C-alpha atoms as a PDB file:
ATOM      1  CA  MET A   1      75.577  44.322 154.227  1.00  0.00           C
ATOM      2  CA  PHE A   2      78.305  45.776 152.044  1.00  0.00           C
ATOM      3  CA  LEU A   3      78.769  46.610 148.380  1.00  0.00           C
ATOM      4  CA  HIS A   4      82.150  46.128 146.677  1.00  0.00           C
ATOM      5  CA  LEU A   5      82.782  49.028 144.285  1.00  0.00           C
ATOM      6  CA  GLY A   6      86.058  47.865 142.783  1.00  0.00           C
ATOM      7  CA  GLY A   7      89.653  47.974 143.902  1.00  0.00           C
ATOM      8  CA  ASP A   8      89.757  47.831 147.677  1.00  0.00           C
ATOM      9  CA  VAL A   9      86.603  49.894 148.209  1.00  0.00           C
ATOM     10  CA  VAL A  10      83.625  48.489 150.070  1.00  0.00           C
ATOM     11  CA  VAL A  11      80.744  50.592 151.388  1.00  0.00           C
ATOM     12  CA  PRO A  12      77.749  49.716 153.562  1.00  0.00           C
ATOM     13  CA  LYS A  13      74.722  49.179 151.311  1.00  0.00           C
ATOM     14  CA  LYS A  14      72.597  51.295 153.664  1.00  0.00           C
ATOM     15  CA  ASP A  15      74.782  54.314 152.795  1.00  0.00           C
ATOM     16  CA  VAL A  16      74.234  54.030 149.011  1.00  0.00           C
ATOM     17  CA  ILE A  17      71.843  56.676 147.746  1.00  0.00           C
ATOM     18  CA  MET A  18      72.087  56.018 144.006  1.00  0.00           C
ATOM     19  CA  ILE A  19      74.210  54.458 141.306  1.00  0.00           C
ATOM     20  CA  LEU A  20      74.646  56.439 138.084  1.00  0.00           C
ATOM     21  CA  ASP A  21      75.972  55.292 134.750  1.00  0.00           C
ATOM     22  CA  THR A  22      78.746  57.550 133.427  1.00  0.00           C
ATOM     23  CA  HIS A  23      76.602  58.145 130.346  1.00  0.00           C
ATOM     24  CA  THR A  24      74.111  60.063 132.507  1.00  0.00           C
ATOM     25  CA  LEU A  25      76.512  62.991 132.445  1.00  0.00           C
ATOM     26  CA  THR A  26      74.774  64.076 129.267  1.00  0.00           C
ATOM     27  CA  SER A  27      72.196  65.657 131.586  1.00  0.00           C
ATOM     28  CA  SER A  28      73.285  69.162 132.542  1.00  0.00           C
ATOM     29  CA  ALA A  29      71.894  68.835 136.080  1.00  0.00           C
ATOM     30  CA  THR A  30      73.787  65.592 136.700  1.00  0.00           C
ATOM     31  CA  ARG A  31      76.969  66.970 135.174  1.00  0.00           C
ATOM     32  CA  GLU A  32      76.727  70.084 137.374  1.00  0.00           C
ATOM     33  CA  PHE A  33      76.127  67.937 140.490  1.00  0.00           C
ATOM     34  CA  ILE A  34      79.237  65.825 139.758  1.00  0.00           C
ATOM     35  CA  GLU A  35      81.357  68.912 138.972  1.00  0.00           C
ATOM     36  CA  ILE A  36      80.387  70.639 142.221  1.00  0.00           C
ATOM     37  CA  ALA A  37      81.012  67.476 144.233  1.00  0.00           C
ATOM     38  CA  GLY A  38      84.442  67.168 142.596  1.00  0.00           C
ATOM     39  CA  ASP A  39      85.290  70.800 143.311  1.00  0.00           C
ATOM     40  CA  GLU A  40      84.366  70.304 146.960  1.00  0.00           C
ATOM     41  CA  GLY A  41      86.444  67.124 147.290  1.00  0.00           C
ATOM     42  CA  PHE A  42      83.634  64.603 147.673  1.00  0.00           C
ATOM     43  CA  ILE A  43      84.650  62.361 144.743  1.00  0.00           C
ATOM     44  CA  LYS A  44      86.909  59.355 145.255  1.00  0.00           C
ATOM     45  CA  ASN A  45      88.202  57.608 142.144  1.00  0.00           C
ATOM     46  CA  THR A  46      88.454  53.836 142.561  1.00  0.00           C
ATOM     47  CA  SER A  47      88.545  53.120 138.837  1.00  0.00           C
ATOM     48  CA  GLY A  48      91.819  54.479 137.536  1.00  0.00           C
ATOM     49  CA  ASP A  49      90.804  55.449 134.015  1.00  0.00           C
ATOM     50  CA  LYS A  50      88.000  52.899 133.557  1.00  0.00           C
ATOM     51  CA  GLU A  51      85.027  54.966 134.701  1.00  0.00           C
ATOM     52  CA  LYS A  52      81.750  53.084 134.308  1.00  0.00           C
ATOM     53  CA  SER A  53      79.584  54.323 137.155  1.00  0.00           C
ATOM     54  CA  TYR A  54      79.208  56.810 139.973  1.00  0.00           C
ATOM     55  CA  VAL A  55      78.086  55.544 143.375  1.00  0.00           C
ATOM     56  CA  VAL A  56      76.606  58.315 145.482  1.00  0.00           C
ATOM     57  CA  THR A  57      76.716  57.582 149.216  1.00  0.00           C
ATOM     58  CA  THR A  58      75.763  59.620 152.243  1.00  0.00           C
ATOM     59  CA  ARG A  59      79.349  60.875 152.606  1.00  0.00           C
ATOM     60  CA  GLU A  60      81.130  60.610 149.242  1.00  0.00           C
ATOM     61  CA  ILE A  61      80.778  59.858 145.566  1.00  0.00           C
ATOM     62  CA  PHE A  62      82.850  56.987 144.228  1.00  0.00           C
ATOM     63  CA  ILE A  63      83.842  56.528 140.597  1.00  0.00           C
ATOM     64  CA  SER A  64      83.737  52.794 139.963  1.00  0.00           C
ATOM     65  CA  PRO A  65      85.147  50.622 137.159  1.00  0.00           C
ATOM     66  CA  ILE A  66      82.127  48.319 137.586  1.00  0.00           C
ATOM     67  CA  SER A  67      78.984  48.836 135.527  1.00  0.00           C
ATOM     68  CA  CYS A  68      75.705  49.997 137.052  1.00  0.00           C
ATOM     69  CA  LYS A  69      74.035  46.726 136.142  1.00  0.00           C
ATOM     70  CA  THR A  70      76.683  44.651 137.931  1.00  0.00           C
ATOM     71  CA  LEU A  71      76.575  46.886 141.010  1.00  0.00           C
ATOM     72  CA  GLN A  72      72.784  46.576 141.103  1.00  0.00           C
ATOM     73  CA  LYS A  73      73.040  42.786 140.928  1.00  0.00           C
ATOM     74  CA  ARG A  74      75.605  42.803 143.733  1.00  0.00           C
ATOM     75  CA  ALA A  75      73.401  45.046 145.868  1.00  0.00           C
ATOM     76  CA  ARG A  76      70.455  42.669 145.478  1.00  0.00           C
ATOM     77  CA  SER A  77      72.507  39.502 145.995  1.00  0.00           C
ATOM     78  CA  SER A  78      72.666  37.814 149.393  1.00  0.00           C
ATOM     79  CA  LYS A  79      76.234  36.789 148.475  1.00  0.00           C
ATOM     80  CA  TYR A  80      77.447  40.183 149.686  1.00  0.00           C
ATOM     81  CA  LEU A  81      75.984  39.932 153.198  1.00  0.00           C
ATOM     82  CA  GLU A  82      77.965  40.737 156.344  1.00  0.00           C
END
């Protein structure tokens, strides 16, 4: 099963660890985690300038233009099966 994150980016659902809303960056721990990941080159921006969520996978963190709620619905939907 795959999850479409926006643009041309699709990841296996089994690789998704968590989906964060961009508003969660108010937490200092979350903000520090994202900053370190960015400094180390683990962040891939698929959103242009329309950041709505962060999708943390086993290999990378993707910035998505799709809201957390929509990504959660997609992850639970059988429509996005292999």
